[in-house]
């Protein structure tokens, strides 16, 4: 599913953060905490916030209260 492009984002169950699959921060997370999403909207609806490393623009919007569920 990842190679076909259907899954575009990865998240950390413990920290409730989502980001791009190629993010250096995400690549360091433990495999038991990984979860995958088809879209950023799906991740936000699940209660995850954007990664401050690979999704810097979205993270700043979230931090300032402009992104909501």
PDB file of N, CA and C in Angstrom:
ATOM      1  N   UNK A   1       0.816  -1.191   0.000  1.00  0.00           N
ATOM      2  CA  UNK A   1       0.000   0.000   0.000  1.00  0.00           C
ATOM      3  C   UNK A   1       0.867   1.266   0.000  1.00  0.00           C
ATOM      4  N   UNK A   2       1.994   1.243   0.690  1.00  0.00           N
ATOM      5  CA  UNK A   2       2.869   2.407   0.728  1.00  0.00           C
ATOM      6  C   UNK A   2       3.466   2.660  -0.655  1.00  0.00           C
ATOM      7  N   UNK A   3       3.951   1.620  -1.306  1.00  0.00           N
ATOM      8  CA  UNK A   3       4.592   1.782  -2.612  1.00  0.00           C
ATOM      9  C   UNK A   3       3.600   2.159  -3.700  1.00  0.00           C
ATOM     10  N   UNK A   4       2.340   1.820  -3.524  1.00  0.00           N
ATOM     11  CA  UNK A   4       1.329   2.176  -4.522  1.00  0.00           C
ATOM     12  C   UNK A   4       0.889   3.630  -4.396  1.00  0.00           C
ATOM     13  N   UNK A   5       1.286   4.288  -3.306  1.00  0.00           N
ATOM     14  CA  UNK A   5       0.939   5.696  -3.109  1.00  0.00           C
ATOM     15  C   UNK A   5      -0.360   5.930  -2.369  1.00  0.00           C
ATOM     16  N   UNK A   6      -1.024   4.858  -1.942  1.00  0.00           N
ATOM     17  CA  UNK A   6      -2.279   5.015  -1.207  1.00  0.00           C
ATOM     18  C   UNK A   6      -2.054   5.540   0.202  1.00  0.00           C
ATOM     19  N   UNK A   7      -0.926   5.179   0.787  1.00  0.00           N
ATOM     20  CA  UNK A   7      -0.580   5.658   2.127  1.00  0.00           C
ATOM     21  C   UNK A   7       0.463   6.755   1.957  1.00  0.00           C
ATOM     22  N   UNK A   8       0.146   7.949   2.451  1.00  0.00           N
ATOM     23  CA  UNK A   8       1.031   9.089   2.231  1.00  0.00           C
ATOM     24  C   UNK A   8       1.645   9.631   3.509  1.00  0.00           C
ATOM     25  N   UNK A   9       1.072   9.291   4.670  1.00  0.00           N
ATOM     26  CA  UNK A   9       1.548   9.839   5.936  1.00  0.00           C
ATOM     27  C   UNK A   9       1.721   8.731   6.965  1.00  0.00           C
ATOM     28  N   UNK A  10       2.671   8.941   7.859  1.00  0.00           N
ATOM     29  CA  UNK A  10       2.887   8.040   8.975  1.00  0.00           C
ATOM     30  C   UNK A  10       2.707   8.804  10.271  1.00  0.00           C
ATOM     31  N   UNK A  11       2.343   8.087  11.314  1.00  0.00           N
ATOM     32  CA  UNK A  11       2.133   8.746  12.592  1.00  0.00           C
ATOM     33  C   UNK A  11       2.698   7.941  13.738  1.00  0.00           C
ATOM     34  N   UNK A  12       2.784   8.598  14.873  1.00  0.00           N
ATOM     35  CA  UNK A  12       3.265   7.986  16.104  1.00  0.00           C
ATOM     36  C   UNK A  12       2.094   7.913  17.079  1.00  0.00           C
ATOM     37  N   UNK A  13       1.668   6.688  17.387  1.00  0.00           N
ATOM     38  CA  UNK A  13       0.513   6.467  18.256  1.00  0.00           C
ATOM     39  C   UNK A  13       0.728   7.073  19.634  1.00  0.00           C
ATOM     40  N   UNK A  14       1.926   6.959  20.158  1.00  0.00           N
ATOM     41  CA  UNK A  14       2.209   7.419  21.504  1.00  0.00           C
ATOM     42  C   UNK A  14       2.230   8.943  21.602  1.00  0.00           C
ATOM     43  N   UNK A  15       2.824   9.610  20.606  1.00  0.00           N
ATOM     44  CA  UNK A  15       2.963  11.065  20.638  1.00  0.00           C
ATOM     45  C   UNK A  15       1.843  11.804  19.918  1.00  0.00           C
ATOM     46  N   UNK A  16       1.028  11.068  19.132  1.00  0.00           N
ATOM     47  CA  UNK A  16      -0.076  11.654  18.360  1.00  0.00           C
ATOM     48  C   UNK A  16       0.431  12.712  17.374  1.00  0.00           C
ATOM     49  N   UNK A  17       1.505  12.373  16.642  1.00  0.00           N
ATOM     50  CA  UNK A  17       2.104  13.248  15.631  1.00  0.00           C
ATOM     51  C   UNK A  17       2.069  12.504  14.300  1.00  0.00           C
ATOM     52  N   UNK A  18       1.758  13.222  13.207  1.00  0.00           N
ATOM     53  CA  UNK A  18       1.823  12.618  11.883  1.00  0.00           C
ATOM     54  C   UNK A  18       2.746  13.435  10.989  1.00  0.00           C
ATOM     55  N   UNK A  19       3.317  12.761   9.984  1.00  0.00           N
ATOM     56  CA  UNK A  19       4.209  13.438   9.057  1.00  0.00           C
ATOM     57  C   UNK A  19       4.402  12.641   7.785  1.00  0.00           C
ATOM     58  N   UNK A  20       5.273  13.148   6.939  1.00  0.00           N
ATOM     59  CA  UNK A  20       5.583  12.504   5.663  1.00  0.00           C
ATOM     60  C   UNK A  20       6.329  11.197   5.918  1.00  0.00           C
ATOM     61  N   UNK A  21       6.176  10.248   5.006  1.00  0.00           N
ATOM     62  CA  UNK A  21       6.828   8.948   5.170  1.00  0.00           C
ATOM     63  C   UNK A  21       8.346   9.038   5.093  1.00  0.00           C
ATOM     64  N   UNK A  22       8.868  10.053   4.406  1.00  0.00           N
ATOM     65  CA  UNK A  22      10.319  10.179   4.271  1.00  0.00           C
ATOM     66  C   UNK A  22      10.937  11.111   5.321  1.00  0.00           C
ATOM     67  N   UNK A  23      10.201  11.491   6.324  1.00  0.00           N
ATOM     68  CA  UNK A  23      10.680  12.404   7.362  1.00  0.00           C
ATOM     69  C   UNK A  23      11.759  11.725   8.223  1.00  0.00           C
ATOM     70  N   UNK A  24      12.839  12.442   8.469  1.00  0.00           N
ATOM     71  CA  UNK A  24      13.922  11.871   9.279  1.00  0.00           C
ATOM     72  C   UNK A  24      13.465  11.616  10.717  1.00  0.00           C
ATOM     73  N   UNK A  25      12.581  12.440  11.233  1.00  0.00           N
ATOM     74  CA  UNK A  25      12.060  12.221  12.591  1.00  0.00           C
ATOM     75  C   UNK A  25      11.206  10.961  12.639  1.00  0.00           C
ATOM     76  N   UNK A  26      10.363  10.792  11.642  1.00  0.00           N
ATOM     77  CA  UNK A  26       9.492   9.625  11.594  1.00  0.00           C
ATOM     78  C   UNK A  26      10.240   8.323  11.406  1.00  0.00           C
ATOM     79  N   UNK A  27      11.320   8.378  10.672  1.00  0.00           N
ATOM     80  CA  UNK A  27      12.104   7.165  10.435  1.00  0.00           C
ATOM     81  C   UNK A  27      12.757   6.650  11.711  1.00  0.00           C
ATOM     82  N   UNK A  28      12.927   7.515  12.713  1.00  0.00           N
ATOM     83  CA  UNK A  28      13.554   7.105  13.980  1.00  0.00           C
ATOM     84  C   UNK A  28      12.555   6.516  14.972  1.00  0.00           C
ATOM     85  N   UNK A  29      11.262   6.625  14.696  1.00  0.00           N
ATOM     86  CA  UNK A  29      10.292   6.141  15.677  1.00  0.00           C
ATOM     87  C   UNK A  29      10.262   4.614  15.726  1.00  0.00           C
ATOM     88  N   UNK A  30       9.930   4.102  16.873  1.00  0.00           N
ATOM     89  CA  UNK A  30       9.851   2.660  17.055  1.00  0.00           C
ATOM     90  C   UNK A  30       8.688   2.095  16.236  1.00  0.00           C
ATOM     91  N   UNK A  31       8.904   0.921  15.673  1.00  0.00           N
ATOM     92  CA  UNK A  31       7.893   0.326  14.795  1.00  0.00           C
ATOM     93  C   UNK A  31       6.583   0.030  15.527  1.00  0.00           C
ATOM     94  N   UNK A  32       6.641  -0.261  16.802  1.00  0.00           N
ATOM     95  CA  UNK A  32       5.402  -0.580  17.527  1.00  0.00           C
ATOM     96  C   UNK A  32       4.505   0.641  17.738  1.00  0.00           C
ATOM     97  N   UNK A  33       5.025   1.842  17.514  1.00  0.00           N
ATOM     98  CA  UNK A  33       4.231   3.068  17.663  1.00  0.00           C
ATOM     99  C   UNK A  33       3.742   3.617  16.327  1.00  0.00           C
ATOM    100  N   UNK A  34       4.050   2.951  15.221  1.00  0.00           N
ATOM    101  CA  UNK A  34       3.707   3.464  13.891  1.00  0.00           C
ATOM    102  C   UNK A  34       2.261   3.183  13.514  1.00  0.00           C
ATOM    103  N   UNK A  35       1.685   4.166  12.840  1.00  0.00           N
ATOM    104  CA  UNK A  35       0.354   4.052  12.265  1.00  0.00           C
ATOM    105  C   UNK A  35       0.407   4.812  10.943  1.00  0.00           C
ATOM    106  N   UNK A  36      -0.445   4.459   9.988  1.00  0.00           N
ATOM    107  CA  UNK A  36      -0.382   5.079   8.669  1.00  0.00           C
ATOM    108  C   UNK A  36      -1.731   5.682   8.290  1.00  0.00           C
ATOM    109  N   UNK A  37      -1.660   6.748   7.490  1.00  0.00           N
ATOM    110  CA  UNK A  37      -2.855   7.474   7.068  1.00  0.00           C
ATOM    111  C   UNK A  37      -2.814   7.725   5.567  1.00  0.00           C
ATOM    112  N   UNK A  38      -3.995   7.777   4.956  1.00  0.00           N
ATOM    113  CA  UNK A  38      -4.110   8.082   3.531  1.00  0.00           C
ATOM    114  C   UNK A  38      -3.990   9.577   3.268  1.00  0.00           C
ATOM    115  N   UNK A  39      -4.375  10.382   4.247  1.00  0.00           N
ATOM    116  CA  UNK A  39      -4.365  11.835   4.052  1.00  0.00           C
ATOM    117  C   UNK A  39      -4.083  12.548   5.367  1.00  0.00           C
ATOM    118  N   UNK A  40      -3.694  13.815   5.245  1.00  0.00           N
ATOM    119  CA  UNK A  40      -3.478  14.637   6.442  1.00  0.00           C
ATOM    120  C   UNK A  40      -4.797  14.857   7.166  1.00  0.00           C
ATOM    121  N   UNK A  41      -5.882  14.991   6.407  1.00  0.00           N
ATOM    122  CA  UNK A  41      -7.204  15.179   7.004  1.00  0.00           C
ATOM    123  C   UNK A  41      -7.592  13.987   7.867  1.00  0.00           C
ATOM    124  N   UNK A  42      -7.297  12.787   7.382  1.00  0.00           N
ATOM    125  CA  UNK A  42      -7.572  11.565   8.149  1.00  0.00           C
ATOM    126  C   UNK A  42      -6.780  11.555   9.457  1.00  0.00           C
ATOM    127  N   UNK A  43      -5.518  11.974   9.402  1.00  0.00           N
ATOM    128  CA  UNK A  43      -4.680  12.010  10.607  1.00  0.00           C
ATOM    129  C   UNK A  43      -5.206  13.034  11.605  1.00  0.00           C
ATOM    130  N   UNK A  44      -5.580  14.218  11.119  1.00  0.00           N
ATOM    131  CA  UNK A  44      -6.116  15.257  12.011  1.00  0.00           C
ATOM    132  C   UNK A  44      -7.419  14.813  12.651  1.00  0.00           C
ATOM    133  N   UNK A  45      -8.280  14.159  11.879  1.00  0.00           N
ATOM    134  CA  UNK A  45      -9.555  13.675  12.427  1.00  0.00           C
ATOM    135  C   UNK A  45      -9.334  12.615  13.508  1.00  0.00           C
ATOM    136  N   UNK A  46      -8.202  11.900  13.412  1.00  0.00           N
ATOM    137  CA  UNK A  46      -7.860  10.890  14.420  1.00  0.00           C
ATOM    138  C   UNK A  46      -7.187  11.513  15.643  1.00  0.00           C
ATOM    139  N   UNK A  47      -6.990  12.841  15.627  1.00  0.00           N
ATOM    140  CA  UNK A  47      -6.428  13.522  16.784  1.00  0.00           C
ATOM    141  C   UNK A  47      -4.924  13.724  16.742  1.00  0.00           C
ATOM    142  N   UNK A  48      -4.315  13.578  15.574  1.00  0.00           N
ATOM    143  CA  UNK A  48      -2.871  13.745  15.438  1.00  0.00           C
ATOM    144  C   UNK A  48      -2.543  15.164  14.999  1.00  0.00           C
ATOM    145  N   UNK A  49      -1.396  15.668  15.435  1.00  0.00           N
ATOM    146  CA  UNK A  49      -0.932  16.996  15.036  1.00  0.00           C
ATOM    147  C   UNK A  49       0.182  16.855  14.010  1.00  0.00           C
ATOM    148  N   UNK A  50       0.413  17.906  13.189  1.00  0.00           N
ATOM    149  CA  UNK A  50       1.471  17.838  12.179  1.00  0.00           C
ATOM    150  C   UNK A  50       2.879  17.821  12.802  1.00  0.00           C
ATOM    151  N   UNK A  51       3.792  17.177  12.111  1.00  0.00           N
ATOM    152  CA  UNK A  51       5.197  17.115  12.522  1.00  0.00           C
ATOM    153  C   UNK A  51       5.846  18.482  12.338  1.00  0.00           C
ATOM    154  N   UNK A  52       6.588  18.913  13.315  1.00  0.00           N
ATOM    155  CA  UNK A  52       7.281  20.193  13.233  1.00  0.00           C
ATOM    156  C   UNK A  52       8.504  20.163  12.342  1.00  0.00           C
ATOM    157  N   UNK A  53       8.930  18.978  11.947  1.00  0.00           N
ATOM    158  CA  UNK A  53      10.115  18.845  11.100  1.00  0.00           C
ATOM    159  C   UNK A  53       9.743  18.840   9.613  1.00  0.00           C
ATOM    160  N   UNK A  54       8.929  17.913   9.175  1.00  0.00           N
ATOM    161  CA  UNK A  54       8.627  17.780   7.744  1.00  0.00           C
ATOM    162  C   UNK A  54       7.393  18.559   7.309  1.00  0.00           C
ATOM    163  N   UNK A  55       6.530  18.914   8.238  1.00  0.00           N
ATOM    164  CA  UNK A  55       5.319  19.685   7.919  1.00  0.00           C
ATOM    165  C   UNK A  55       5.344  21.002   8.688  1.00  0.00           C
ATOM    166  N   UNK A  56       6.440  21.717   8.537  1.00  0.00           N
ATOM    167  CA  UNK A  56       6.676  22.940   9.321  1.00  0.00           C
ATOM    168  C   UNK A  56       5.546  23.967   9.169  1.00  0.00           C
ATOM    169  N   UNK A  57       5.091  24.211   7.946  1.00  0.00           N
ATOM    170  CA  UNK A  57       4.029  25.193   7.715  1.00  0.00           C
ATOM    171  C   UNK A  57       2.736  24.781   8.427  1.00  0.00           C
ATOM    172  N   UNK A  58       2.338  23.517   8.269  1.00  0.00           N
ATOM    173  CA  UNK A  58       1.127  23.006   8.921  1.00  0.00           C
ATOM    174  C   UNK A  58       1.271  23.013  10.436  1.00  0.00           C
ATOM    175  N   UNK A  59       2.493  22.689  10.913  1.00  0.00           N
ATOM    176  CA  UNK A  59       2.750  22.689  12.348  1.00  0.00           C
ATOM    177  C   UNK A  59       2.551  24.085  12.939  1.00  0.00           C
ATOM    178  N   UNK A  60       3.075  25.107  12.242  1.00  0.00           N
ATOM    179  CA  UNK A  60       2.925  26.485  12.734  1.00  0.00           C
ATOM    180  C   UNK A  60       1.461  26.893  12.758  1.00  0.00           C
ATOM    181  N   UNK A  61       0.706  26.505  11.732  1.00  0.00           N
ATOM    182  CA  UNK A  61      -0.737  26.787  11.717  1.00  0.00           C
ATOM    183  C   UNK A  61      -1.434  26.085  12.879  1.00  0.00           C
ATOM    184  N   UNK A  62      -1.083  24.806  13.102  1.00  0.00           N
ATOM    185  CA  UNK A  62      -1.679  24.047  14.212  1.00  0.00           C
ATOM    186  C   UNK A  62      -1.340  24.698  15.547  1.00  0.00           C
ATOM    187  N   UNK A  63      -0.075  25.073  15.713  1.00  0.00           N
ATOM    188  CA  UNK A  63       0.384  25.650  16.975  1.00  0.00           C
ATOM    189  C   UNK A  63      -0.327  26.966  17.278  1.00  0.00           C
ATOM    190  N   UNK A  64      -0.638  27.728  16.239  1.00  0.00           N
ATOM    191  CA  UNK A  64      -1.334  28.995  16.422  1.00  0.00           C
ATOM    192  C   UNK A  64      -2.853  28.855  16.408  1.00  0.00           C
ATOM    193  N   UNK A  65      -3.342  27.619  16.349  1.00  0.00           N
ATOM    194  CA  UNK A  65      -4.771  27.360  16.455  1.00  0.00           C
ATOM    195  C   UNK A  65      -5.562  27.468  15.171  1.00  0.00           C
ATOM    196  N   UNK A  66      -4.882  27.454  14.010  1.00  0.00           N
ATOM    197  CA  UNK A  66      -5.589  27.591  12.749  1.00  0.00           C
ATOM    198  C   UNK A  66      -5.974  26.281  12.100  1.00  0.00           C
ATOM    199  N   UNK A  67      -5.456  25.168  12.609  1.00  0.00           N
ATOM    200  CA  UNK A  67      -5.846  23.837  12.109  1.00  0.00           C
ATOM    201  C   UNK A  67      -6.655  23.173  13.212  1.00  0.00           C
ATOM    202  N   UNK A  68      -7.806  22.697  12.883  1.00  0.00           N
ATOM    203  CA  UNK A  68      -8.666  22.037  13.857  1.00  0.00           C
ATOM    204  C   UNK A  68      -9.149  20.710  13.293  1.00  0.00           C
ATOM    205  N   UNK A  69      -9.752  19.926  14.121  1.00  0.00           N
ATOM    206  CA  UNK A  69     -10.234  18.595  13.734  1.00  0.00           C
ATOM    207  C   UNK A  69     -11.445  18.706  12.851  1.00  0.00           C
TER     208      UNK A  69
END
